[in-house]
C-alpha atoms as a PDB file:
ATOM      1  CA  MET A   1       0.209   0.108  -0.404  1.00  0.00           C
ATOM      2  CA  GLY A   2       3.223   2.163   0.022  1.00  0.00           C
ATOM      3  CA  ASN A   3       4.011   4.856   2.501  1.00  0.00           C
ATOM      4  CA  ILE A   4       1.679   6.099   5.417  1.00  0.00           C
ATOM      5  CA  PHE A   5       2.733   9.698   5.878  1.00  0.00           C
ATOM      6  CA  THR A   6       3.123  11.040   9.663  1.00  0.00           C
ATOM      7  CA  THR A   7       3.073  14.245  10.569  1.00  0.00           C
ATOM      8  CA  GLU A   8       5.781  13.593  13.658  1.00  0.00           C
ATOM      9  CA  GLN A   9       8.067  10.903  13.408  1.00  0.00           C
ATOM     10  CA  SER A  10      11.228  10.827  14.710  1.00  0.00           C
ATOM     11  CA  ASN A  11      14.076   8.412  12.664  1.00  0.00           C
ATOM     12  CA  VAL A  12      18.121  10.710  13.292  1.00  0.00           C
ATOM     13  CA  SER A  13      19.744  11.468  11.273  1.00  0.00           C
ATOM     14  CA  ARG A  14      23.722  12.451  12.013  1.00  0.00           C
ATOM     15  CA  GLN A  15      24.627  15.816  12.679  1.00  0.00           C
ATOM     16  CA  GLN A  16      25.419  17.909   9.771  1.00  0.00           C
ATOM     17  CA  ARG A  17      28.103  20.470   8.906  1.00  0.00           C
ATOM     18  CA  SER A  18      25.620  21.883   5.683  1.00  0.00           C
ATOM     19  CA  THR A  19      22.028  21.556   5.775  1.00  0.00           C
ATOM     20  CA  LEU A  20      19.966  20.278   3.609  1.00  0.00           C
ATOM     21  CA  THR A  21      17.131  22.489   2.316  1.00  0.00           C
ATOM     22  CA  THR A  22      13.972  20.966   2.073  1.00  0.00           C
ATOM     23  CA  PRO A  23      10.838  23.122   0.313  1.00  0.00           C
ATOM     24  CA  GLN A  24       8.681  23.767   3.960  1.00  0.00           C
ATOM     25  CA  SER A  25      12.415  24.385   5.680  1.00  0.00           C
ATOM     26  CA  ASN A  26      11.720  27.417   6.778  1.00  0.00           C
ATOM     27  CA  ASN A  27       8.115  26.470   8.501  1.00  0.00           C
ATOM     28  CA  SER A  28      11.225  24.194  10.173  1.00  0.00           C
ATOM     29  CA  ARG A  29      12.836  27.640  11.395  1.00  0.00           C
ATOM     30  CA  GLN A  30       9.536  29.003  12.080  1.00  0.00           C
ATOM     31  CA  GLN A  31       8.761  25.998  14.697  1.00  0.00           C
ATOM     32  CA  ARG A  32      11.958  26.021  16.168  1.00  0.00           C
ATOM     33  CA  SER A  33      10.943  29.786  17.856  1.00  0.00           C
ATOM     34  CA  THR A  34       7.679  28.258  18.953  1.00  0.00           C
ATOM     35  CA  LEU A  35       9.351  25.461  20.905  1.00  0.00           C
ATOM     36  CA  PRO A  36       8.825  24.480  24.916  1.00  0.00           C
ATOM     37  CA  THR A  37      11.906  26.209  27.343  1.00  0.00           C
ATOM     38  CA  PRO A  38      13.247  22.462  28.303  1.00  0.00           C
ATOM     39  CA  PRO A  39      12.219  21.818  31.397  1.00  0.00           C
ATOM     40  CA  SER A  40      14.561  21.740  34.518  1.00  0.00           C
ATOM     41  CA  ASN A  41      14.454  19.058  37.210  1.00  0.00           C
ATOM     42  CA  ASN A  42      14.062  20.276  40.439  1.00  0.00           C
ATOM     43  CA  SER A  43      14.346  16.928  42.254  1.00  0.00           C
ATOM     44  CA  GLU A  44      15.796  13.420  41.219  1.00  0.00           C
ATOM     45  CA  LYS A  45      13.564  11.018  39.285  1.00  0.00           C
ATOM     46  CA  CYS A  46      13.961   7.231  41.328  1.00  0.00           C
ATOM     47  CA  TYR A  47      12.882   4.169  39.731  1.00  0.00           C
ATOM     48  CA  ASP A  48      10.572   2.139  41.990  1.00  0.00           C
ATOM     49  CA  PRO A  49      11.884  -0.136  43.734  1.00  0.00           C
ATOM     50  CA  GLN A  50       8.788  -2.474  43.078  1.00  0.00           C
ATOM     51  CA  ASP A  51       8.685  -1.815  39.428  1.00  0.00           C
ATOM     52  CA  SER A  52       8.988  -5.429  37.765  1.00  0.00           C
ATOM     53  CA  THR A  53       8.759  -4.408  33.691  1.00  0.00           C
ATOM     54  CA  LEU A  54      12.163  -3.470  34.765  1.00  0.00           C
ATOM     55  CA  THR A  55      15.732  -5.604  35.474  1.00  0.00           C
ATOM     56  CA  PHE A  56      17.378  -3.712  38.256  1.00  0.00           C
ATOM     57  CA  VAL A  57      20.853  -4.282  38.635  1.00  0.00           C
ATOM     58  CA  ASP A  58      24.555  -3.501  40.693  1.00  0.00           C
ATOM     59  CA  GLY A  59      27.128  -1.587  39.418  1.00  0.00           C
ATOM     60  CA  GLU A  60      27.636   1.908  38.068  1.00  0.00           C
ATOM     61  CA  ASP A  61      25.093   4.092  35.876  1.00  0.00           C
ATOM     62  CA  ASP A  62      26.856   3.797  32.428  1.00  0.00           C
ATOM     63  CA  MET A  63      25.189   7.116  31.158  1.00  0.00           C
ATOM     64  CA  ASP A  64      26.772   9.435  34.120  1.00  0.00           C
ATOM     65  CA  PHE A  65      29.161  11.055  32.043  1.00  0.00           C
ATOM     66  CA  LEU A  66      28.648  14.023  33.411  1.00  0.00           C
ATOM     67  CA  CYS A  67      29.787  12.360  36.734  1.00  0.00           C
ATOM     68  CA  ASN A  68      26.357  13.467  38.645  1.00  0.00           C
ATOM     69  CA  ASP A  69      26.393  10.637  40.940  1.00  0.00           C
ATOM     70  CA  TYR A  70      22.562  10.115  41.027  1.00  0.00           C
ATOM     71  CA  LYS A  71      20.975   7.944  43.897  1.00  0.00           C
ATOM     72  CA  SER A  72      18.054   6.018  41.954  1.00  0.00           C
ATOM     73  CA  LEU A  73      18.715   2.006  41.480  1.00  0.00           C
ATOM     74  CA  ARG A  74      20.074   1.609  38.177  1.00  0.00           C
ATOM     75  CA  ALA A  75      18.331  -0.362  35.305  1.00  0.00           C
ATOM     76  CA  LYS A  76      18.978  -1.817  32.336  1.00  0.00           C
ATOM     77  CA  MET A  77      18.127  -0.096  28.788  1.00  0.00           C
ATOM     78  CA  SER A  78      17.685  -2.704  25.412  1.00  0.00           C
ATOM     79  CA  CYS A  79      21.320  -2.714  24.859  1.00  0.00           C
ATOM     80  CA  GLY A  80      22.018  -3.981  28.062  1.00  0.00           C
ATOM     81  CA  HIS A  81      24.247  -0.511  29.389  1.00  0.00           C
ATOM     82  CA  THR A  82      22.738   0.749  32.430  1.00  0.00           C
ATOM     83  CA  VAL A  83      20.369   3.600  33.117  1.00  0.00           C
ATOM     84  CA  THR A  84      19.173   6.226  35.789  1.00  0.00           C
ATOM     85  CA  PRO A  85      16.078   8.318  34.820  1.00  0.00           C
ATOM     86  CA  MET A  86      18.314  11.462  35.141  1.00  0.00           C
ATOM     87  CA  SER A  87      21.315  10.289  33.332  1.00  0.00           C
ATOM     88  CA  LEU A  88      18.820   9.344  30.986  1.00  0.00           C
ATOM     89  CA  THR A  89      17.586  12.521  30.456  1.00  0.00           C
ATOM     90  CA  ASP A  90      20.840  14.708  30.539  1.00  0.00           C
ATOM     91  CA  LEU A  91      21.853  12.215  27.505  1.00  0.00           C
ATOM     92  CA  CYS A  92      18.660  12.206  25.872  1.00  0.00           C
ATOM     93  CA  ARG A  93      18.118  15.717  26.226  1.00  0.00           C
ATOM     94  CA  SER A  94      21.405  16.362  25.038  1.00  0.00           C
ATOM     95  CA  LEU A  95      21.251  14.657  21.021  1.00  0.00           C
ATOM     96  CA  LEU A  96      17.906  16.172  20.835  1.00  0.00           C
ATOM     97  CA  ASP A  97      20.088  19.775  21.466  1.00  0.00           C
ATOM     98  CA  LYS A  98      22.375  18.967  19.260  1.00  0.00           C
ATOM     99  CA  GLY A  99      19.998  18.670  16.043  1.00  0.00           C
ATOM    100  CA  LYS A 100      19.257  14.878  16.747  1.00  0.00           C
ATOM    101  CA  SER A 101      16.509  12.447  16.272  1.00  0.00           C
ATOM    102  CA  ARG A 102      17.516   9.506  17.514  1.00  0.00           C
ATOM    103  CA  PHE A 103      18.296   8.315  20.665  1.00  0.00           C
ATOM    104  CA  VAL A 104      21.186   6.284  21.001  1.00  0.00           C
ATOM    105  CA  CYS A 105      23.988   4.745  23.650  1.00  0.00           C
ATOM    106  CA  GLY A 106      26.636   6.789  24.644  1.00  0.00           C
ATOM    107  CA  ASN A 107      28.808   3.723  24.731  1.00  0.00           C
ATOM    108  CA  CYS A 108      27.288   0.786  22.785  1.00  0.00           C
ATOM    109  CA  ASP A 109      25.985   2.858  19.813  1.00  0.00           C
ATOM    110  CA  ALA A 110      22.115   0.829  19.668  1.00  0.00           C
ATOM    111  CA  GLU A 111      19.479   2.774  19.331  1.00  0.00           C
ATOM    112  CA  TRP A 112      16.580   2.965  21.533  1.00  0.00           C
ATOM    113  CA  SER A 113      13.081   3.448  20.506  1.00  0.00           C
ATOM    114  CA  TYR A 114      12.001   7.242  21.339  1.00  0.00           C
ATOM    115  CA  GLU A 115       9.069   4.348  23.562  1.00  0.00           C
ATOM    116  CA  GLU A 116      11.649   2.926  25.709  1.00  0.00           C
ATOM    117  CA  VAL A 117      13.522   6.009  26.596  1.00  0.00           C
ATOM    118  CA  ARG A 118      10.161   8.002  27.004  1.00  0.00           C
ATOM    119  CA  LYS A 119       9.429   4.340  30.194  1.00  0.00           C
ATOM    120  CA  MET A 120      12.932   4.184  31.728  1.00  0.00           C
ATOM    121  CA  ALA A 121      13.832   8.133  31.817  1.00  0.00           C
ATOM    122  CA  LEU A 122      10.302   8.752  33.199  1.00  0.00           C
ATOM    123  CA  LEU A 123       9.578  11.370  31.585  1.00  0.00           C
ATOM    124  CA  THR A 124       7.999  14.166  32.329  1.00  0.00           C
ATOM    125  CA  PRO A 125       4.380  15.354  31.160  1.00  0.00           C
ATOM    126  CA  GLU A 126       7.013  19.116  30.518  1.00  0.00           C
ATOM    127  CA  GLU A 127       9.708  16.438  29.441  1.00  0.00           C
ATOM    128  CA  VAL A 128       7.553  14.578  26.890  1.00  0.00           C
ATOM    129  CA  ASP A 129       6.181  17.869  24.875  1.00  0.00           C
ATOM    130  CA  TYR A 130       9.383  18.807  24.999  1.00  0.00           C
ATOM    131  CA  PHE A 131      10.732  15.712  23.287  1.00  0.00           C
ATOM    132  CA  GLU A 132       8.480  15.115  20.986  1.00  0.00           C
ATOM    133  CA  LYS A 133       8.150  18.917  19.584  1.00  0.00           C
ATOM    134  CA  LYS A 134      12.111  18.871  19.426  1.00  0.00           C
ATOM    135  CA  LEU A 135      11.979  15.272  17.711  1.00  0.00           C
ATOM    136  CA  PHE A 136      10.169  16.629  14.983  1.00  0.00           C
ATOM    137  CA  VAL A 137      11.650  19.445  13.990  1.00  0.00           C
ATOM    138  CA  ASN A 138      14.478  18.151  14.205  1.00  0.00           C
ATOM    139  CA  ALA A 139      13.295  15.080  12.227  1.00  0.00           C
ATOM    140  CA  ALA A 140      11.766  16.932   9.737  1.00  0.00           C
ATOM    141  CA  SER A 141      14.870  19.975   9.189  1.00  0.00           C
ATOM    142  CA  ASN A 142      16.827  16.242   8.483  1.00  0.00           C
ATOM    143  CA  PHE A 143      14.169  14.618   5.894  1.00  0.00           C
ATOM    144  CA  GLU A 144      11.756  15.886   2.694  1.00  0.00           C
ATOM    145  CA  VAL A 145       8.934  17.470   4.507  1.00  0.00           C
ATOM    146  CA  LYS A 146       5.787  17.955   1.864  1.00  0.00           C
ATOM    147  CA  LYS A 147       1.522  18.618   1.983  1.00  0.00           C
ATOM    148  CA  CYS A 148      -0.186  16.011   0.458  1.00  0.00           C
ATOM    149  CA  PRO A 149      -1.740  17.213  -2.242  1.00  0.00           C
ATOM    150  CA  GLY A 150      -5.533  15.761  -1.428  1.00  0.00           C
ATOM    151  CA  CYS A 151      -5.156  17.675   2.171  1.00  0.00           C
ATOM    152  CA  LYS A 152      -2.555  19.284   3.107  1.00  0.00           C
ATOM    153  CA  SER A 153      -1.162  18.108   5.522  1.00  0.00           C
ATOM    154  CA  ARG A 154       2.848  18.002   6.396  1.00  0.00           C
ATOM    155  CA  VAL A 155       3.758  14.590   5.839  1.00  0.00           C
ATOM    156  CA  MET A 156       7.103  12.724   6.419  1.00  0.00           C
ATOM    157  CA  ARG A 157       8.194   9.532   3.732  1.00  0.00           C
ATOM    158  CA  LYS A 158       8.407   6.460   6.100  1.00  0.00           C
ATOM    159  CA  ASP A 159      10.360   4.422   3.565  1.00  0.00           C
ATOM    160  CA  LEU A 160      12.829   6.170   1.351  1.00  0.00           C
ATOM    161  CA  SER A 161      12.449   3.807  -1.563  1.00  0.00           C
ATOM    162  CA  ASP A 162       8.961   4.150  -2.437  1.00  0.00           C
ATOM    163  CA  LEU A 163       7.050   6.945  -4.202  1.00  0.00           C
ATOM    164  CA  SER A 164       3.927   5.693  -3.415  1.00  0.00           C
ATOM    165  CA  VAL A 165       2.477   7.749  -0.490  1.00  0.00           C
ATOM    166  CA  ARG A 166      -0.845   6.755   1.393  1.00  0.00           C
ATOM    167  CA  CYS A 167      -2.765   9.908   3.179  1.00  0.00           C
ATOM    168  CA  THR A 168      -5.048   8.538   6.369  1.00  0.00           C
ATOM    169  CA  VAL A 169      -6.529  12.014   6.589  1.00  0.00           C
ATOM    170  CA  CYS A 170      -7.655  11.948   2.700  1.00  0.00           C
ATOM    171  CA  THR A 171      -8.129   8.062   3.213  1.00  0.00           C
ATOM    172  CA  ALA A 172     -10.433   8.577   5.967  1.00  0.00           C
ATOM    173  CA  ASN A 173     -11.978  11.422   4.600  1.00  0.00           C
ATOM    174  CA  ARG A 174     -13.058   9.936   0.921  1.00  0.00           C
ATOM    175  CA  GLY A 175     -13.663   6.225   2.552  1.00  0.00           C
ATOM    176  CA  SER A 176     -11.289   5.699   0.164  1.00  0.00           C
ATOM    177  CA  THR A 177      -7.521   4.722   0.328  1.00  0.00           C
ATOM    178  CA  TYR A 178      -5.775   8.320  -1.080  1.00  0.00           C
ATOM    179  CA  MET A 179      -2.671   7.203  -2.072  1.00  0.00           C
ATOM    180  CA  PHE A 180       0.202  10.361  -3.897  1.00  0.00           C
ATOM    181  CA  CYS A 181       3.040  10.748  -5.640  1.00  0.00           C
ATOM    182  CA  TRP A 182       5.937  11.626  -3.703  1.00  0.00           C
ATOM    183  CA  GLN A 183       7.898  13.044  -6.667  1.00  0.00           C
ATOM    184  CA  CYS A 184       5.481  15.039  -8.787  1.00  0.00           C
ATOM    185  CA  LEU A 185       3.106  15.319  -5.889  1.00  0.00           C
ATOM    186  CA  SER A 186       0.110  14.200  -7.600  1.00  0.00           C
ATOM    187  CA  GLU A 187      -2.484  11.726  -6.444  1.00  0.00           C
ATOM    188  CA  TRP A 188      -1.013   8.323  -7.299  1.00  0.00           C
ATOM    189  CA  LYS A 189      -1.141   6.751 -11.574  1.00  0.00           C
ATOM    190  CA  GLY A 190       0.648   3.107 -11.317  1.00  0.00           C
ATOM    191  CA  PRO A 191       0.991   0.268  -9.531  1.00  0.00           C
ATOM    192  CA  VAL A 192       3.092   0.506  -6.249  1.00  0.00           C
ATOM    193  CA  PRO A 193       5.530  -0.050  -5.041  1.00  0.00           C
ATOM    194  CA  ARG A 194       7.605   2.135  -7.247  1.00  0.00           C
ATOM    195  CA  SER A 195      11.250   3.905  -6.471  1.00  0.00           C
ATOM    196  CA  ASP A 196      11.394   5.959 -10.262  1.00  0.00           C
ATOM    197  CA  ARG A 197       8.046   7.140 -10.866  1.00  0.00           C
ATOM    198  CA  CYS A 198       4.324   7.194 -11.225  1.00  0.00           C
ATOM    199  CA  GLU A 199       2.835   6.946 -14.686  1.00  0.00           C
ATOM    200  CA  ASN A 200       1.278  11.121 -14.487  1.00  0.00           C
ATOM    201  CA  ASP A 201       3.069  12.799 -17.635  1.00  0.00           C
ATOM    202  CA  GLY A 202       5.480  14.796 -16.480  1.00  0.00           C
ATOM    203  CA  CYS A 203       6.508  12.808 -13.109  1.00  0.00           C
ATOM    204  CA  GLN A 204      10.664  13.162 -13.410  1.00  0.00           C
ATOM    205  CA  SER A 205      12.790  10.280 -12.440  1.00  0.00           C
ATOM    206  CA  PRO A 206      15.651  11.244  -9.957  1.00  0.00           C
ATOM    207  CA  LEU A 207      18.591  10.969 -13.478  1.00  0.00           C
ATOM    208  CA  GLY A 208      15.843  13.601 -14.992  1.00  0.00           C
ATOM    209  CA  ILE A 209      15.783  15.488 -11.570  1.00  0.00           C
ATOM    210  CA  LEU A 210      19.393  16.485 -11.595  1.00  0.00           C
ATOM    211  CA  ARG A 211      19.654  16.375 -15.292  1.00  0.00           C
ATOM    212  CA  THR A 212      17.396  19.258 -15.075  1.00  0.00           C
ATOM    213  CA  CYS A 213      17.672  21.036 -11.380  1.00  0.00           C
ATOM    214  CA  GLY A 214      19.394  24.473 -11.239  1.00  0.00           C
ATOM    215  CA  ASP A 215      22.520  25.642  -9.551  1.00  0.00           C
ATOM    216  CA  VAL A 216      23.690  26.524  -6.275  1.00  0.00           C
ATOM    217  CA  VAL A 217      25.468  29.010  -5.491  1.00  0.00           C
ATOM    218  CA  LEU A 218      27.813  28.311  -2.362  1.00  0.00           C
ATOM    219  CA  ASN A 219      28.429  31.462  -0.560  1.00  0.00           C
ATOM    220  CA  SER A 220      31.139  30.290   1.315  1.00  0.00           C
ATOM    221  CA  VAL A 221      33.392  28.583  -1.175  1.00  0.00           C
ATOM    222  CA  LYS A 222      35.464  30.407  -3.172  1.00  0.00           C
ATOM    223  CA  ASP A 223      37.107  29.053  -6.722  1.00  0.00           C
ATOM    224  CA  ALA A 224      41.181  29.612  -7.714  1.00  0.00           C
ATOM    225  CA  ARG A 225      39.927  33.853  -8.043  1.00  0.00           C
ATOM    226  CA  GLY A 226      37.864  34.098  -4.924  1.00  0.00           C
ATOM    227  CA  ARG A 227      34.251  34.160  -6.086  1.00  0.00           C
ATOM    228  CA  PRO A 228      31.166  32.168  -4.726  1.00  0.00           C
ATOM    229  CA  LEU A 229      32.005  28.553  -6.318  1.00  0.00           C
ATOM    230  CA  LYS A 230      28.616  27.092  -8.398  1.00  0.00           C
ATOM    231  CA  CYS A 231      27.572  23.712  -8.349  1.00  0.00           C
ATOM    232  CA  PRO A 232      24.116  21.416  -9.051  1.00  0.00           C
ATOM    233  CA  SER A 233      21.992  21.871  -6.550  1.00  0.00           C
ATOM    234  CA  ARG A 234      21.084  18.250  -6.278  1.00  0.00           C
ATOM    235  CA  ARG A 235      23.081  15.108  -6.056  1.00  0.00           C
ATOM    236  CA  ALA A 236      22.584  11.807  -5.821  1.00  0.00           C
ATOM    237  CA  CYS A 237      24.871  10.457  -2.857  1.00  0.00           C
ATOM    238  CA  PRO A 238      28.206   9.030  -3.666  1.00  0.00           C
ATOM    239  CA  THR A 239      27.802   5.544  -1.204  1.00  0.00           C
ATOM    240  CA  CYS A 240      23.785   5.300  -1.339  1.00  0.00           C
ATOM    241  CA  GLY A 241      22.348   7.261  -4.206  1.00  0.00           C
ATOM    242  CA  MET A 242      19.832   9.206  -1.729  1.00  0.00           C
ATOM    243  CA  LEU A 243      18.811  13.149  -3.477  1.00  0.00           C
ATOM    244  CA  VAL A 244      20.231  15.306  -1.555  1.00  0.00           C
ATOM    245  CA  ARG A 245      20.739  19.361  -2.156  1.00  0.00           C
ATOM    246  CA  HIS A 246      22.659  21.659  -0.510  1.00  0.00           C
ATOM    247  CA  ASP A 247      21.109  25.020   0.438  1.00  0.00           C
ATOM    248  CA  GLY A 248      24.133  27.348  -0.527  1.00  0.00           C
ATOM    249  CA  GLU A 249      25.088  28.203   2.979  1.00  0.00           C
ATOM    250  CA  LYS A 250      28.517  27.391   5.129  1.00  0.00           C
ATOM    251  CA  CYS A 251      31.265  24.559   4.199  1.00  0.00           C
ATOM    252  CA  LYS A 252      31.117  22.578   0.955  1.00  0.00           C
ATOM    253  CA  ASN A 253      30.467  18.635   2.694  1.00  0.00           C
ATOM    254  CA  ILE A 254      27.164  17.302   3.825  1.00  0.00           C
ATOM    255  CA  CYS A 255      25.610  14.737   5.642  1.00  0.00           C
ATOM    256  CA  CYS A 256      23.314  12.120   3.752  1.00  0.00           C
ATOM    257  CA  THR A 257      20.338  11.411   6.011  1.00  0.00           C
ATOM    258  CA  GLN A 258      19.892   8.143   4.898  1.00  0.00           C
ATOM    259  CA  CYS A 259      23.223   6.330   5.268  1.00  0.00           C
ATOM    260  CA  GLU A 260      24.500   9.010   7.429  1.00  0.00           C
ATOM    261  CA  VAL A 261      27.785   8.787   4.854  1.00  0.00           C
ATOM    262  CA  GLU A 262      29.638  12.821   4.516  1.00  0.00           C
ATOM    263  CA  PHE A 263      30.883  13.621   0.975  1.00  0.00           C
ATOM    264  CA  CYS A 264      31.623  17.223  -1.253  1.00  0.00           C
ATOM    265  CA  PHE A 265      29.465  18.289  -2.718  1.00  0.00           C
ATOM    266  CA  VAL A 266      31.367  19.989  -5.032  1.00  0.00           C
ATOM    267  CA  CYS A 267      33.503  17.019  -6.292  1.00  0.00           C
ATOM    268  CA  LEU A 268      31.438  13.745  -5.410  1.00  0.00           C
ATOM    269  CA  LYS A 269      34.388  12.513  -2.863  1.00  0.00           C
ATOM    270  CA  THR A 270      33.547  11.346   0.633  1.00  0.00           C
ATOM    271  CA  THR A 271      34.708  14.196   3.207  1.00  0.00           C
ATOM    272  CA  GLU A 272      37.407  12.307   4.407  1.00  0.00           C
ATOM    273  CA  GLU A 273      38.953  12.221   0.565  1.00  0.00           C
ATOM    274  CA  CYS A 274      38.534  15.398   0.058  1.00  0.00           C
ATOM    275  CA  LEU A 275      39.739  16.979   2.872  1.00  0.00           C
ATOM    276  CA  GLU A 276      43.270  14.596   2.296  1.00  0.00           C
ATOM    277  CA  LEU A 277      43.183  15.775  -1.234  1.00  0.00           C
ATOM    278  CA  ASN A 278      43.129  19.490  -0.259  1.00  0.00           C
ATOM    279  CA  GLU A 279      45.135  20.171   2.173  1.00  0.00           C
ATOM    280  CA  GLU A 280      41.625  20.145   4.729  1.00  0.00           C
ATOM    281  CA  SER A 281      40.538  23.567   3.527  1.00  0.00           C
ATOM    282  CA  TRP A 282      36.420  23.652   3.757  1.00  0.00           C
ATOM    283  CA  PHE A 283      35.910  26.246   1.574  1.00  0.00           C
ATOM    284  CA  GLU A 284      38.325  26.237  -1.454  1.00  0.00           C
ATOM    285  CA  VAL A 285      37.298  24.830  -4.863  1.00  0.00           C
ATOM    286  CA  CYS A 286      38.890  21.106  -4.936  1.00  0.00           C
ATOM    287  CA  SER A 287      41.485  20.044  -6.703  1.00  0.00           C
ATOM    288  CA  THR A 288      39.928  18.261  -9.063  1.00  0.00           C
ATOM    289  CA  GLY A 289      37.352  20.714  -9.797  1.00  0.00           C
ATOM    290  CA  VAL A 290      33.666  20.842  -9.941  1.00  0.00           C
ATOM    291  CA  ALA A 291      32.253  17.468 -10.748  1.00  0.00           C
ATOM    292  CA  PRO A 292      29.461  16.868 -13.447  1.00  0.00           C
ATOM    293  CA  ARG A 293      26.194  16.606 -13.326  1.00  0.00           C
ATOM    294  CA  GLN A 294      25.459  13.031 -12.266  1.00  0.00           C
ATOM    295  CA  THR A 295      24.027  10.460 -15.046  1.00  0.00           C
ATOM    296  CA  SER A 296      23.822   7.575 -12.746  1.00  0.00           C
ATOM    297  CA  ILE A 297      22.539   6.929  -9.287  1.00  0.00           C
ATOM    298  CA  PRO A 298      24.576   4.976  -7.101  1.00  0.00           C
ATOM    299  CA  VAL A 299      23.574   1.661  -5.562  1.00  0.00           C
ATOM    300  CA  TRP A 300      23.913   1.363  -1.685  1.00  0.00           C
ATOM    301  CA  GLN A 301      26.307  -1.116  -1.090  1.00  0.00           C
ATOM    302  CA  ARG A 302      25.204  -2.180   2.249  1.00  0.00           C
ATOM    303  CA  ARG A 303      27.377  -4.232   4.988  1.00  0.00           C
END
């Protein structure tokens, strides 16, 4: 049935040096200014020793990186590391404040669900409100957000490989399944799932987008004459093939939100390779010049 749209989902990408822009990026910036003030904890949250749903253990608090020596019992997370409600709250709030939308263990990089964090951190109603709004703002800034052409609800895709999106609002209002194309924003035509295009006239494939997109001026990146550099505004990530866009600000390196590999938007090499070839330069044209428009989409070789 294709993607099911969500208006407040939280998948996280690593923090970017350069910002990926989306059609609703201005809305995301406006939302940041309306977030509630981070709640302050005047008293320490502690686990109930009678809570049979928790696995209590003796030993250190693995997430107490600030050495606060919280007094609560220690409990195991799904990854096996131990936390107290306060240390877990501290860690997850720090991740949110850094622009993350995934909760990752500070010791083993295992990912925790929001539901697990909410329970294990004993989040208060005020903290729940703050966490959920920050999750949505962070996710919206890292993933494309579009409007359903039927009801105009804000949408983020769950399956990045499928262009067909089922709008639950329109489906409920109409009494029948309503799907639209993420690519051309028209009501869906043709079989599903598909990753290239729907059967509406004018629906562009990713290669078509790469071929016809405009240029972007990288205001902080200078060419040999000291002028701002220009290159195609859309690139396919050289690792996974996801199409990303540079907003023209900050340095030439950008992080793909799908595979989380950072690469140079100018030469299309990984950031590590680019910096090695260009003497650690983040703001100058690459020695190999501006890579031409791509004529193929890289296939992600997952390890």
